[in-house]
Amino acid sequence: MILFEVIYDHFNGLCRLIKGGFLLLLTSILYEKTLVLLRDILVR
């Protein structure tokens, strides 16, 4: 049973890492799009 708990902990950590990376990616994409929009508005 201890082995199962260790695997479960690893899996949870991995899921959190993937979710964190995905959120980071999403945030950076939104940030870039917002910057581009702002630049377009300012240039006009």
N, C-alpha and C. Protein backbone atom coordinates (compact mmCIF):
# COMPACT_ATOMS: atom_id res chain seq x y z
N MET A 1 0.81 -1.20 0.00
CA MET A 1 0.00 0.00 0.00
C MET A 1 0.86 1.26 0.00
N ILE A 2 2.02 1.17 0.64
CA ILE A 2 2.90 2.35 0.70
C ILE A 2 3.36 2.73 -0.70
N LEU A 3 3.64 1.72 -1.53
CA LEU A 3 4.06 1.97 -2.91
C LEU A 3 2.98 2.74 -3.66
N PHE A 4 1.72 2.33 -3.43
CA PHE A 4 0.60 3.00 -4.09
C PHE A 4 0.54 4.46 -3.68
N GLU A 5 0.75 4.73 -2.39
CA GLU A 5 0.71 6.11 -1.90
C GLU A 5 1.82 6.94 -2.54
N VAL A 6 3.00 6.34 -2.67
CA VAL A 6 4.13 7.06 -3.29
C VAL A 6 3.81 7.40 -4.74
N ILE A 7 3.25 6.42 -5.47
CA ILE A 7 2.88 6.64 -6.88
C ILE A 7 1.81 7.72 -6.98
N TYR A 8 0.85 7.65 -6.04
CA TYR A 8 -0.25 8.63 -6.03
C TYR A 8 0.30 10.04 -5.79
N ASP A 9 1.25 10.16 -4.86
CA ASP A 9 1.87 11.46 -4.58
C ASP A 9 2.60 11.97 -5.81
N HIS A 10 3.32 11.09 -6.49
CA HIS A 10 4.05 11.46 -7.71
C HIS A 10 3.07 11.97 -8.76
N PHE A 11 1.96 11.22 -8.92
CA PHE A 11 0.95 11.55 -9.91
C PHE A 11 0.34 12.92 -9.61
N ASN A 12 0.03 13.17 -8.33
CA ASN A 12 -0.53 14.45 -7.91
C ASN A 12 0.43 15.59 -8.21
N GLY A 13 1.70 15.37 -7.90
CA GLY A 13 2.72 16.38 -8.15
C GLY A 13 2.82 16.69 -9.64
N LEU A 14 2.77 15.63 -10.45
CA LEU A 14 2.87 15.77 -11.90
C LEU A 14 1.68 16.57 -12.43
N CYS A 15 0.48 16.23 -11.93
CA CYS A 15 -0.74 16.93 -12.36
C CYS A 15 -0.65 18.41 -12.02
N ARG A 16 -0.16 18.69 -10.80
CA ARG A 16 -0.04 20.08 -10.38
C ARG A 16 0.96 20.82 -11.27
N LEU A 17 2.04 20.13 -11.61
CA LEU A 17 3.08 20.73 -12.45
C LEU A 17 2.52 21.04 -13.83
N ILE A 18 1.78 20.08 -14.39
CA ILE A 18 1.18 20.27 -15.73
C ILE A 18 0.17 21.41 -15.70
N LYS A 19 -0.68 21.43 -14.65
CA LYS A 19 -1.68 22.50 -14.52
C LYS A 19 -0.99 23.84 -14.40
N GLY A 20 0.07 23.89 -13.58
CA GLY A 20 0.81 25.14 -13.39
C GLY A 20 1.43 25.61 -14.69
N GLY A 21 2.02 24.68 -15.44
CA GLY A 21 2.64 25.02 -16.71
C GLY A 21 1.61 25.53 -17.71
N PHE A 22 0.45 24.86 -17.72
CA PHE A 22 -0.63 25.24 -18.64
C PHE A 22 -1.12 26.65 -18.31
N LEU A 23 -1.31 26.92 -17.00
CA LEU A 23 -1.78 28.24 -16.58
C LEU A 23 -0.75 29.30 -16.95
N LEU A 24 0.53 28.95 -16.76
CA LEU A 24 1.60 29.89 -17.08
C LEU A 24 1.59 30.20 -18.58
N LEU A 25 1.43 29.16 -19.39
CA LEU A 25 1.40 29.32 -20.85
C LEU A 25 0.22 30.19 -21.26
N LEU A 26 -0.96 29.88 -20.68
CA LEU A 26 -2.17 30.63 -20.98
C LEU A 26 -2.00 32.10 -20.61
N THR A 27 -1.44 32.33 -19.43
CA THR A 27 -1.23 33.70 -18.95
C THR A 27 -0.28 34.46 -19.87
N SER A 28 0.81 33.81 -20.28
CA SER A 28 1.78 34.48 -21.14
C SER A 28 1.18 34.79 -22.51
N ILE A 29 0.36 33.89 -23.03
CA ILE A 29 -0.29 34.13 -24.33
C ILE A 29 -1.25 35.31 -24.23
N LEU A 30 -2.07 35.31 -23.16
CA LEU A 30 -3.01 36.41 -22.96
C LEU A 30 -2.27 37.72 -22.79
N TYR A 31 -1.15 37.66 -22.05
CA TYR A 31 -0.33 38.85 -21.81
C TYR A 31 0.19 39.41 -23.13
N GLU A 32 0.70 38.51 -23.98
CA GLU A 32 1.23 38.96 -25.28
C GLU A 32 0.13 39.57 -26.14
N LYS A 33 -1.03 38.91 -26.18
CA LYS A 33 -2.15 39.42 -26.99
C LYS A 33 -2.59 40.79 -26.49
N THR A 34 -2.63 40.94 -25.17
CA THR A 34 -3.03 42.22 -24.59
C THR A 34 -2.02 43.31 -24.96
N LEU A 35 -0.73 42.97 -24.90
CA LEU A 35 0.30 43.93 -25.26
C LEU A 35 0.17 44.35 -26.72
N VAL A 36 -0.08 43.38 -27.59
CA VAL A 36 -0.23 43.68 -29.02
C VAL A 36 -1.44 44.59 -29.25
N LEU A 37 -2.54 44.28 -28.57
CA LEU A 37 -3.74 45.11 -28.70
C LEU A 37 -3.47 46.54 -28.23
N LEU A 38 -2.82 46.65 -27.09
CA LEU A 38 -2.50 47.97 -26.53
C LEU A 38 -1.61 48.76 -27.50
N ARG A 39 -0.63 48.05 -28.07
CA ARG A 39 0.29 48.71 -29.00
C ARG A 39 -0.47 49.20 -30.23
N ASP A 40 -1.39 48.37 -30.74
CA ASP A 40 -2.20 48.77 -31.90
C ASP A 40 -3.03 50.00 -31.59
N ILE A 41 -3.63 50.02 -30.40
CA ILE A 41 -4.46 51.17 -30.01
C ILE A 41 -3.60 52.43 -29.88
N LEU A 42 -2.41 52.27 -29.28
CA LEU A 42 -1.55 53.43 -29.08
C LEU A 42 -0.97 53.96 -30.39
N VAL A 43 -0.71 53.06 -31.33
CA VAL A 43 -0.11 53.47 -32.60
C VAL A 43 -1.09 54.28 -33.45
N ARG A 44 -2.38 53.91 -33.38
CA ARG A 44 -3.38 54.60 -34.20
C ARG A 44 -3.54 56.07 -33.83
